[in-house]
Amino acid sequence: MVTPLYSASPSSVELTRQVQHLIRRRKGLPLGRLRPAADLHTDLGFDLLDVVDIILALEQRYQLTIPDELPLRTIDDFVRFLGPALAGTSTAQAA
C-alpha cells in the first residue's frame, strides 16, 4: 500500500497538472502541447528513455513503484495509475 505524502490524495485534475509540469520541465515543451490524451511517442516525439525518465521522476516524487508492465503512453495513463496508487487502492508497492 502506498502512503500519500500529504493528507489528501490529489484530484485527477491536480495529478494531470503535476504530470504535465514535470514533463514540461524535463522536455521543455509548451504546456498547450501536453494534452492528457496526447501519445507521448507519436504526438510528442518521446523515446523510451524519455518515458523512463518521467517514470523515475514520478516514483521519486510520490515514493512509489510504477510496474514495468504498465502501458504508459499518455498523461492520462499516468494519472489513471497514480490516482488509485496515492489513495492506497492500488497494488503499487512503496519504494
PDB file of N, CA and C in Angstrom:
ATOM      1  N   MET A   1       0.850  -1.176   0.000  1.00  0.00           N
ATOM      2  CA  MET A   1       0.000   0.000   0.000  1.00  0.00           C
ATOM      3  C   MET A   1       0.894   1.237   0.000  1.00  0.00           C
ATOM      4  N   VAL A   2       0.486   2.249  -0.718  1.00  0.00           N
ATOM      5  CA  VAL A   2       1.243   3.484  -0.813  1.00  0.00           C
ATOM      6  C   VAL A   2       0.701   4.482   0.184  1.00  0.00           C
ATOM      7  N   THR A   3       1.577   5.130   0.905  1.00  0.00           N
ATOM      8  CA  THR A   3       1.164   6.174   1.831  1.00  0.00           C
ATOM      9  C   THR A   3       1.369   7.517   1.153  1.00  0.00           C
ATOM     10  N   PRO A   4       0.320   8.302   0.975  1.00  0.00           N
ATOM     11  CA  PRO A   4       0.469   9.609   0.343  1.00  0.00           C
ATOM     12  C   PRO A   4       1.426  10.492   1.132  1.00  0.00           C
ATOM     13  N   LEU A   5       2.064  11.408   0.430  1.00  0.00           N
ATOM     14  CA  LEU A   5       2.996  12.330   1.064  1.00  0.00           C
ATOM     15  C   LEU A   5       2.284  13.447   1.803  1.00  0.00           C
ATOM     16  N   TYR A   6       0.991  13.571   1.605  1.00  0.00           N
ATOM     17  CA  TYR A   6       0.204  14.600   2.269  1.00  0.00           C
ATOM     18  C   TYR A   6      -1.129  13.987   2.632  1.00  0.00           C
ATOM     19  N   SER A   7      -1.908  14.687   3.406  1.00  0.00           N
ATOM     20  CA  SER A   7      -3.102  14.088   3.996  1.00  0.00           C
ATOM     21  C   SER A   7      -4.163  13.682   2.982  1.00  0.00           C
ATOM     22  N   ALA A   8      -4.364  14.438   1.953  1.00  0.00           N
ATOM     23  CA  ALA A   8      -5.389  14.110   0.965  1.00  0.00           C
ATOM     24  C   ALA A   8      -4.717  13.829  -0.371  1.00  0.00           C
ATOM     25  N   SER A   9      -5.178  12.789  -1.045  1.00  0.00           N
ATOM     26  CA  SER A   9      -4.648  12.488  -2.367  1.00  0.00           C
ATOM     27  C   SER A   9      -5.067  13.590  -3.325  1.00  0.00           C
ATOM     28  N   PRO A  10      -4.181  13.949  -4.252  1.00  0.00           N
ATOM     29  CA  PRO A  10      -4.552  14.987  -5.211  1.00  0.00           C
ATOM     30  C   PRO A  10      -5.654  14.490  -6.141  1.00  0.00           C
ATOM     31  N   SER A  11      -6.463  15.413  -6.609  1.00  0.00           N
ATOM     32  CA  SER A  11      -7.520  15.066  -7.560  1.00  0.00           C
ATOM     33  C   SER A  11      -6.883  14.698  -8.896  1.00  0.00           C
ATOM     34  N   SER A  12      -7.671  14.089  -9.775  1.00  0.00           N
ATOM     35  CA  SER A  12      -7.134  13.738 -11.087  1.00  0.00           C
ATOM     36  C   SER A  12      -6.741  14.990 -11.870  1.00  0.00           C
ATOM     37  N   VAL A  13      -7.458  16.081 -11.659  1.00  0.00           N
ATOM     38  CA  VAL A  13      -7.101  17.342 -12.322  1.00  0.00           C
ATOM     39  C   VAL A  13      -5.741  17.820 -11.827  1.00  0.00           C
ATOM     40  N   GLU A  14      -5.530  17.761 -10.524  1.00  0.00           N
ATOM     41  CA  GLU A  14      -4.249  18.182  -9.955  1.00  0.00           C
ATOM     42  C   GLU A  14      -3.129  17.236 -10.380  1.00  0.00           C
ATOM     43  N   LEU A  15      -3.397  15.939 -10.407  1.00  0.00           N
ATOM     44  CA  LEU A  15      -2.380  14.985 -10.867  1.00  0.00           C
ATOM     45  C   LEU A  15      -2.020  15.244 -12.325  1.00  0.00           C
ATOM     46  N   THR A  16      -3.027  15.510 -13.150  1.00  0.00           N
ATOM     47  CA  THR A  16      -2.770  15.822 -14.553  1.00  0.00           C
ATOM     48  C   THR A  16      -1.862  17.035 -14.653  1.00  0.00           C
ATOM     49  N   ARG A  17      -2.162  18.051 -13.898  1.00  0.00           N
ATOM     50  CA  ARG A  17      -1.358  19.275 -13.899  1.00  0.00           C
ATOM     51  C   ARG A  17       0.078  18.983 -13.450  1.00  0.00           C
ATOM     52  N   GLN A  18       0.231  18.179 -12.412  1.00  0.00           N
ATOM     53  CA  GLN A  18       1.564  17.855 -11.903  1.00  0.00           C
ATOM     54  C   GLN A  18       2.379  17.062 -12.924  1.00  0.00           C
ATOM     55  N   VAL A  19       1.745  16.088 -13.582  1.00  0.00           N
ATOM     56  CA  VAL A  19       2.447  15.297 -14.597  1.00  0.00           C
ATOM     57  C   VAL A  19       2.807  16.189 -15.786  1.00  0.00           C
ATOM     58  N   GLN A  20       1.893  17.051 -16.203  1.00  0.00           N
ATOM     59  CA  GLN A  20       2.181  17.971 -17.309  1.00  0.00           C
ATOM     60  C   GLN A  20       3.375  18.862 -16.981  1.00  0.00           C
ATOM     61  N   HIS A  21       3.409  19.405 -15.784  1.00  0.00           N
ATOM     62  CA  HIS A  21       4.505  20.301 -15.414  1.00  0.00           C
ATOM     63  C   HIS A  21       5.831  19.554 -15.303  1.00  0.00           C
ATOM     64  N   LEU A  22       5.794  18.328 -14.817  1.00  0.00           N
ATOM     65  CA  LEU A  22       7.012  17.529 -14.745  1.00  0.00           C
ATOM     66  C   LEU A  22       7.559  17.291 -16.152  1.00  0.00           C
ATOM     67  N   ILE A  23       6.683  16.912 -17.076  1.00  0.00           N
ATOM     68  CA  ILE A  23       7.103  16.678 -18.459  1.00  0.00           C
ATOM     69  C   ILE A  23       7.600  17.975 -19.089  1.00  0.00           C
ATOM     70  N   ARG A  24       6.898  19.044 -18.831  1.00  0.00           N
ATOM     71  CA  ARG A  24       7.281  20.349 -19.389  1.00  0.00           C
ATOM     72  C   ARG A  24       8.681  20.749 -18.934  1.00  0.00           C
ATOM     73  N   ARG A  25       8.963  20.555 -17.647  1.00  0.00           N
ATOM     74  CA  ARG A  25      10.289  20.901 -17.128  1.00  0.00           C
ATOM     75  C   ARG A  25      11.379  20.024 -17.747  1.00  0.00           C
ATOM     76  N   ARG A  26      11.093  18.754 -17.919  1.00  0.00           N
ATOM     77  CA  ARG A  26      12.101  17.822 -18.416  1.00  0.00           C
ATOM     78  C   ARG A  26      12.321  17.938 -19.925  1.00  0.00           C
ATOM     79  N   LYS A  27      11.266  18.223 -20.671  1.00  0.00           N
ATOM     80  CA  LYS A  27      11.361  18.233 -22.130  1.00  0.00           C
ATOM     81  C   LYS A  27      11.274  19.621 -22.752  1.00  0.00           C
ATOM     82  N   GLY A  28      10.915  20.631 -21.973  1.00  0.00           N
ATOM     83  CA  GLY A  28      10.834  21.982 -22.500  1.00  0.00           C
ATOM     84  C   GLY A  28       9.699  22.195 -23.490  1.00  0.00           C
ATOM     85  N   LEU A  29       8.658  21.393 -23.394  1.00  0.00           N
ATOM     86  CA  LEU A  29       7.517  21.536 -24.299  1.00  0.00           C
ATOM     87  C   LEU A  29       6.541  22.574 -23.768  1.00  0.00           C
ATOM     88  N   PRO A  30       5.873  23.306 -24.664  1.00  0.00           N
ATOM     89  CA  PRO A  30       4.845  24.236 -24.207  1.00  0.00           C
ATOM     90  C   PRO A  30       3.683  23.467 -23.578  1.00  0.00           C
ATOM     91  N   LEU A  31       3.138  24.022 -22.521  1.00  0.00           N
ATOM     92  CA  LEU A  31       2.055  23.369 -21.794  1.00  0.00           C
ATOM     93  C   LEU A  31       0.876  23.037 -22.708  1.00  0.00           C
ATOM     94  N   GLY A  32       0.607  23.875 -23.697  1.00  0.00           N
ATOM     95  CA  GLY A  32      -0.504  23.647 -24.616  1.00  0.00           C
ATOM     96  C   GLY A  32      -0.393  22.363 -25.423  1.00  0.00           C
ATOM     97  N   ARG A  33       0.819  21.859 -25.627  1.00  0.00           N
ATOM     98  CA  ARG A  33       1.005  20.601 -26.368  1.00  0.00           C
ATOM     99  C   ARG A  33       0.772  19.380 -25.497  1.00  0.00           C
ATOM    100  N   LEU A  34       0.762  19.558 -24.190  1.00  0.00           N
ATOM    101  CA  LEU A  34       0.691  18.430 -23.267  1.00  0.00           C
ATOM    102  C   LEU A  34      -0.750  18.091 -22.910  1.00  0.00           C
ATOM    103  N   ARG A  35      -1.513  17.733 -23.918  1.00  0.00           N
ATOM    104  CA  ARG A  35      -2.898  17.312 -23.702  1.00  0.00           C
ATOM    105  C   ARG A  35      -2.908  15.966 -22.987  1.00  0.00           C
ATOM    106  N   PRO A  36      -3.862  15.739 -22.101  1.00  0.00           N
ATOM    107  CA  PRO A  36      -3.901  14.479 -21.351  1.00  0.00           C
ATOM    108  C   PRO A  36      -3.935  13.226 -22.224  1.00  0.00           C
ATOM    109  N   ALA A  37      -4.564  13.298 -23.397  1.00  0.00           N
ATOM    110  CA  ALA A  37      -4.674  12.115 -24.256  1.00  0.00           C
ATOM    111  C   ALA A  37      -3.589  12.041 -25.330  1.00  0.00           C
ATOM    112  N   ALA A  38      -2.674  13.012 -25.362  1.00  0.00           N
ATOM    113  CA  ALA A  38      -1.613  13.003 -26.370  1.00  0.00           C
ATOM    114  C   ALA A  38      -0.687  11.811 -26.135  1.00  0.00           C
ATOM    115  N   ASP A  39      -0.392  11.081 -27.209  1.00  0.00           N
ATOM    116  CA  ASP A  39       0.523   9.945 -27.118  1.00  0.00           C
ATOM    117  C   ASP A  39       1.949  10.483 -26.987  1.00  0.00           C
ATOM    118  N   LEU A  40       2.630  10.040 -25.946  1.00  0.00           N
ATOM    119  CA  LEU A  40       3.973  10.551 -25.683  1.00  0.00           C
ATOM    120  C   LEU A  40       4.929  10.235 -26.828  1.00  0.00           C
ATOM    121  N   HIS A  41       4.738   9.099 -27.486  1.00  0.00           N
ATOM    122  CA  HIS A  41       5.640   8.696 -28.560  1.00  0.00           C
ATOM    123  C   HIS A  41       5.267   9.351 -29.885  1.00  0.00           C
ATOM    124  N   THR A  42       4.051   9.119 -30.348  1.00  0.00           N
ATOM    125  CA  THR A  42       3.680   9.585 -31.686  1.00  0.00           C
ATOM    126  C   THR A  42       3.337  11.069 -31.744  1.00  0.00           C
ATOM    127  N   ASP A  43       2.688  11.602 -30.718  1.00  0.00           N
ATOM    128  CA  ASP A  43       2.287  13.012 -30.741  1.00  0.00           C
ATOM    129  C   ASP A  43       3.389  13.952 -30.252  1.00  0.00           C
ATOM    130  N   LEU A  44       4.173  13.492 -29.284  1.00  0.00           N
ATOM    131  CA  LEU A  44       5.158  14.379 -28.657  1.00  0.00           C
ATOM    132  C   LEU A  44       6.605  14.013 -28.973  1.00  0.00           C
ATOM    133  N   GLY A  45       6.818  12.896 -29.654  1.00  0.00           N
ATOM    134  CA  GLY A  45       8.162  12.521 -30.078  1.00  0.00           C
ATOM    135  C   GLY A  45       9.067  11.971 -28.985  1.00  0.00           C
ATOM    136  N   PHE A  46       8.493  11.466 -27.917  1.00  0.00           N
ATOM    137  CA  PHE A  46       9.301  10.907 -26.838  1.00  0.00           C
ATOM    138  C   PHE A  46       9.841   9.545 -27.255  1.00  0.00           C
ATOM    139  N   ASP A  47      11.046   9.226 -26.761  1.00  0.00           N
ATOM    140  CA  ASP A  47      11.559   7.879 -26.941  1.00  0.00           C
ATOM    141  C   ASP A  47      11.451   7.142 -25.605  1.00  0.00           C
ATOM    142  N   LEU A  48      11.879   5.905 -25.591  1.00  0.00           N
ATOM    143  CA  LEU A  48      11.755   5.075 -24.394  1.00  0.00           C
ATOM    144  C   LEU A  48      12.479   5.695 -23.198  1.00  0.00           C
ATOM    145  N   LEU A  49      13.647   6.272 -23.423  1.00  0.00           N
ATOM    146  CA  LEU A  49      14.389   6.885 -22.318  1.00  0.00           C
ATOM    147  C   LEU A  49      13.658   8.087 -21.733  1.00  0.00           C
ATOM    148  N   ASP A  50      12.973   8.839 -22.573  1.00  0.00           N
ATOM    149  CA  ASP A  50      12.175   9.965 -22.073  1.00  0.00           C
ATOM    150  C   ASP A  50      11.079   9.470 -21.132  1.00  0.00           C
ATOM    151  N   VAL A  51      10.406   8.392 -21.523  1.00  0.00           N
ATOM    152  CA  VAL A  51       9.321   7.849 -20.701  1.00  0.00           C
ATOM    153  C   VAL A  51       9.881   7.278 -19.401  1.00  0.00           C
ATOM    154  N   VAL A  52      11.008   6.586 -19.480  1.00  0.00           N
ATOM    155  CA  VAL A  52      11.642   6.053 -18.266  1.00  0.00           C
ATOM    156  C   VAL A  52      12.020   7.197 -17.332  1.00  0.00           C
ATOM    157  N   ASP A  53      12.511   8.292 -17.868  1.00  0.00           N
ATOM    158  CA  ASP A  53      12.860   9.460 -17.057  1.00  0.00           C
ATOM    159  C   ASP A  53      11.633  10.002 -16.323  1.00  0.00           C
ATOM    160  N   ILE A  54      10.506  10.059 -17.005  1.00  0.00           N
ATOM    161  CA  ILE A  54       9.257  10.519 -16.383  1.00  0.00           C
ATOM    162  C   ILE A  54       8.838   9.556 -15.277  1.00  0.00           C
ATOM    163  N   ILE A  55       8.903   8.264 -15.568  1.00  0.00           N
ATOM    164  CA  ILE A  55       8.531   7.254 -14.570  1.00  0.00           C
ATOM    165  C   ILE A  55       9.401   7.384 -13.326  1.00  0.00           C
ATOM    166  N   LEU A  56      10.707   7.493 -13.505  1.00  0.00           N
ATOM    167  CA  LEU A  56      11.615   7.608 -12.357  1.00  0.00           C
ATOM    168  C   LEU A  56      11.338   8.872 -11.549  1.00  0.00           C
ATOM    169  N   ALA A  57      11.056   9.969 -12.235  1.00  0.00           N
ATOM    170  CA  ALA A  57      10.759  11.218 -11.530  1.00  0.00           C
ATOM    171  C   ALA A  57       9.466  11.101 -10.724  1.00  0.00           C
ATOM    172  N   LEU A  58       8.453  10.462 -11.300  1.00  0.00           N
ATOM    173  CA  LEU A  58       7.185  10.280 -10.580  1.00  0.00           C
ATOM    174  C   LEU A  58       7.356   9.326  -9.405  1.00  0.00           C
ATOM    175  N   GLU A  59       8.136   8.263  -9.588  1.00  0.00           N
ATOM    176  CA  GLU A  59       8.391   7.333  -8.488  1.00  0.00           C
ATOM    177  C   GLU A  59       9.081   8.043  -7.330  1.00  0.00           C
ATOM    178  N   GLN A  60      10.038   8.886  -7.664  1.00  0.00           N
ATOM    179  CA  GLN A  60      10.749   9.627  -6.619  1.00  0.00           C
ATOM    180  C   GLN A  60       9.829  10.640  -5.941  1.00  0.00           C
ATOM    181  N   ARG A  61       9.072  11.371  -6.721  1.00  0.00           N
ATOM    182  CA  ARG A  61       8.193  12.402  -6.159  1.00  0.00           C
ATOM    183  C   ARG A  61       7.144  11.813  -5.219  1.00  0.00           C
ATOM    184  N   TYR A  62       6.540  10.694  -5.633  1.00  0.00           N
ATOM    185  CA  TYR A  62       5.434  10.126  -4.863  1.00  0.00           C
ATOM    186  C   TYR A  62       5.834   8.925  -4.005  1.00  0.00           C
ATOM    187  N   GLN A  63       7.116   8.570  -4.013  1.00  0.00           N
ATOM    188  CA  GLN A  63       7.610   7.457  -3.197  1.00  0.00           C
ATOM    189  C   GLN A  63       6.830   6.172  -3.441  1.00  0.00           C
ATOM    190  N   LEU A  64       6.736   5.782  -4.718  1.00  0.00           N
ATOM    191  CA  LEU A  64       6.067   4.543  -5.079  1.00  0.00           C
ATOM    192  C   LEU A  64       6.793   3.906  -6.249  1.00  0.00           C
ATOM    193  N   THR A  65       6.415   2.675  -6.557  1.00  0.00           N
ATOM    194  CA  THR A  65       6.987   1.956  -7.684  1.00  0.00           C
ATOM    195  C   THR A  65       5.923   1.804  -8.761  1.00  0.00           C
ATOM    196  N   ILE A  66       6.280   2.187  -9.964  1.00  0.00           N
ATOM    197  CA  ILE A  66       5.383   2.031 -11.106  1.00  0.00           C
ATOM    198  C   ILE A  66       5.820   0.759 -11.831  1.00  0.00           C
ATOM    199  N   PRO A  67       4.947  -0.244 -11.902  1.00  0.00           N
ATOM    200  CA  PRO A  67       5.320  -1.518 -12.530  1.00  0.00           C
ATOM    201  C   PRO A  67       5.749  -1.344 -13.988  1.00  0.00           C
ATOM    202  N   ASP A  68       6.792  -2.084 -14.366  1.00  0.00           N
ATOM    203  CA  ASP A  68       7.323  -2.007 -15.729  1.00  0.00           C
ATOM    204  C   ASP A  68       6.300  -2.398 -16.788  1.00  0.00           C
ATOM    205  N   GLU A  69       5.385  -3.289 -16.433  1.00  0.00           N
ATOM    206  CA  GLU A  69       4.453  -3.806 -17.433  1.00  0.00           C
ATOM    207  C   GLU A  69       3.267  -2.877 -17.719  1.00  0.00           C
ATOM    208  N   LEU A  70       3.165  -1.759 -17.007  1.00  0.00           N
ATOM    209  CA  LEU A  70       2.051  -0.836 -17.265  1.00  0.00           C
ATOM    210  C   LEU A  70       2.223  -0.159 -18.622  1.00  0.00           C
ATOM    211  N   PRO A  71       1.163  -0.118 -19.429  1.00  0.00           N
ATOM    212  CA  PRO A  71       1.233   0.574 -20.716  1.00  0.00           C
ATOM    213  C   PRO A  71       1.014   2.082 -20.522  1.00  0.00           C
ATOM    214  N   LEU A  72       2.086   2.807 -20.324  1.00  0.00           N
ATOM    215  CA  LEU A  72       2.001   4.247 -20.062  1.00  0.00           C
ATOM    216  C   LEU A  72       2.388   5.001 -21.329  1.00  0.00           C
ATOM    217  N   ARG A  73       1.376   5.409 -22.085  1.00  0.00           N
ATOM    218  CA  ARG A  73       1.628   6.104 -23.344  1.00  0.00           C
ATOM    219  C   ARG A  73       1.124   7.543 -23.345  1.00  0.00           C
ATOM    220  N   THR A  74       0.277   7.889 -22.376  1.00  0.00           N
ATOM    221  CA  THR A  74      -0.293   9.234 -22.328  1.00  0.00           C
ATOM    222  C   THR A  74      -0.224   9.775 -20.899  1.00  0.00           C
ATOM    223  N   ILE A  75      -0.444  11.061 -20.758  1.00  0.00           N
ATOM    224  CA  ILE A  75      -0.535  11.659 -19.424  1.00  0.00           C
ATOM    225  C   ILE A  75      -1.705  11.033 -18.676  1.00  0.00           C
ATOM    226  N   ASP A  76      -2.810  10.808 -19.374  1.00  0.00           N
ATOM    227  CA  ASP A  76      -3.965  10.140 -18.755  1.00  0.00           C
ATOM    228  C   ASP A  76      -3.595   8.777 -18.184  1.00  0.00           C
ATOM    229  N   ASP A  77      -2.738   8.027 -18.887  1.00  0.00           N
ATOM    230  CA  ASP A  77      -2.313   6.717 -18.379  1.00  0.00           C
ATOM    231  C   ASP A  77      -1.601   6.862 -17.036  1.00  0.00           C
ATOM    232  N   PHE A  78      -0.727   7.845 -16.927  1.00  0.00           N
ATOM    233  CA  PHE A  78      -0.024   8.081 -15.660  1.00  0.00           C
ATOM    234  C   PHE A  78      -1.015   8.452 -14.559  1.00  0.00           C
ATOM    235  N   VAL A  79      -1.955   9.317 -14.878  1.00  0.00           N
ATOM    236  CA  VAL A  79      -2.937   9.774 -13.888  1.00  0.00           C
ATOM    237  C   VAL A  79      -3.828   8.618 -13.439  1.00  0.00           C
ATOM    238  N   ARG A  80      -4.232   7.763 -14.381  1.00  0.00           N
ATOM    239  CA  ARG A  80      -5.069   6.600 -14.022  1.00  0.00           C
ATOM    240  C   ARG A  80      -4.340   5.654 -13.076  1.00  0.00           C
ATOM    241  N   PHE A  81      -3.023   5.568 -13.182  1.00  0.00           N
ATOM    242  CA  PHE A  81      -2.270   4.742 -12.238  1.00  0.00           C
ATOM    243  C   PHE A  81      -2.050   5.478 -10.919  1.00  0.00           C
ATOM    244  N   LEU A  82      -1.626   6.736 -10.995  1.00  0.00           N
ATOM    245  CA  LEU A  82      -1.250   7.474  -9.785  1.00  0.00           C
ATOM    246  C   LEU A  82      -2.424   7.723  -8.849  1.00  0.00           C
ATOM    247  N   GLY A  83      -3.597   8.038  -9.390  1.00  0.00           N
ATOM    248  CA  GLY A  83      -4.750   8.337  -8.534  1.00  0.00           C
ATOM    249  C   GLY A  83      -5.025   7.237  -7.524  1.00  0.00           C
ATOM    250  N   PRO A  84      -5.292   6.008  -7.992  1.00  0.00           N
ATOM    251  CA  PRO A  84      -5.537   4.918  -7.040  1.00  0.00           C
ATOM    252  C   PRO A  84      -4.311   4.580  -6.190  1.00  0.00           C
ATOM    253  N   ALA A  85      -3.123   4.672  -6.773  1.00  0.00           N
ATOM    254  CA  ALA A  85      -1.911   4.340  -6.014  1.00  0.00           C
ATOM    255  C   ALA A  85      -1.732   5.282  -4.832  1.00  0.00           C
ATOM    256  N   LEU A  86      -1.964   6.563  -5.057  1.00  0.00           N
ATOM    257  CA  LEU A  86      -1.800   7.542  -3.978  1.00  0.00           C
ATOM    258  C   LEU A  86      -2.934   7.468  -2.968  1.00  0.00           C
ATOM    259  N   ALA A  87      -4.082   6.962  -3.410  1.00  0.00           N
ATOM    260  CA  ALA A  87      -5.209   6.802  -2.489  1.00  0.00           C
ATOM    261  C   ALA A  87      -5.104   5.495  -1.703  1.00  0.00           C
ATOM    262  N   GLY A  88      -4.103   4.680  -2.052  1.00  0.00           N
ATOM    263  CA  GLY A  88      -3.907   3.428  -1.338  1.00  0.00           C
ATOM    264  C   GLY A  88      -4.798   2.305  -1.808  1.00  0.00           C
ATOM    265  N   THR A  89      -5.371   2.432  -3.012  1.00  0.00           N
ATOM    266  CA  THR A  89      -6.264   1.389  -3.509  1.00  0.00           C
ATOM    267  C   THR A  89      -5.659   0.636  -4.678  1.00  0.00           C
ATOM    268  N   SER A  90      -4.353   0.786  -4.881  1.00  0.00           N
ATOM    269  CA  SER A  90      -3.677   0.127  -5.987  1.00  0.00           C
ATOM    270  C   SER A  90      -2.762  -0.958  -5.451  1.00  0.00           C
ATOM    271  N   THR A  91      -2.273  -1.767  -6.361  1.00  0.00           N
ATOM    272  CA  THR A  91      -1.292  -2.770  -5.974  1.00  0.00           C
ATOM    273  C   THR A  91       0.117  -2.209  -6.064  1.00  0.00           C
ATOM    274  N   ALA A  92       0.222  -0.880  -6.206  1.00  0.00           N
ATOM    275  CA  ALA A  92       1.541  -0.252  -6.249  1.00  0.00           C
ATOM    276  C   ALA A  92       2.277  -0.549  -4.957  1.00  0.00           C
ATOM    277  N   GLN A  93       3.575  -0.711  -5.098  1.00  0.00           N
ATOM    278  CA  GLN A  93       4.402  -1.018  -3.937  1.00  0.00           C
ATOM    279  C   GLN A  93       5.132   0.233  -3.499  1.00  0.00           C
ATOM    280  N   ALA A  94       5.288   0.382  -2.206  1.00  0.00           N
ATOM    281  CA  ALA A  94       6.070   1.507  -1.693  1.00  0.00           C
ATOM    282  C   ALA A  94       7.504   1.336  -2.141  1.00  0.00           C
ATOM    283  N   ALA A  95       8.143   2.431  -2.488  1.00  0.00           N
ATOM    284  CA  ALA A  95       9.535   2.374  -2.947  1.00  0.00           C
ATOM    285  C   ALA A  95      10.468   2.132  -1.786  1.00  0.00           C
TER     286      ALA A  95
END
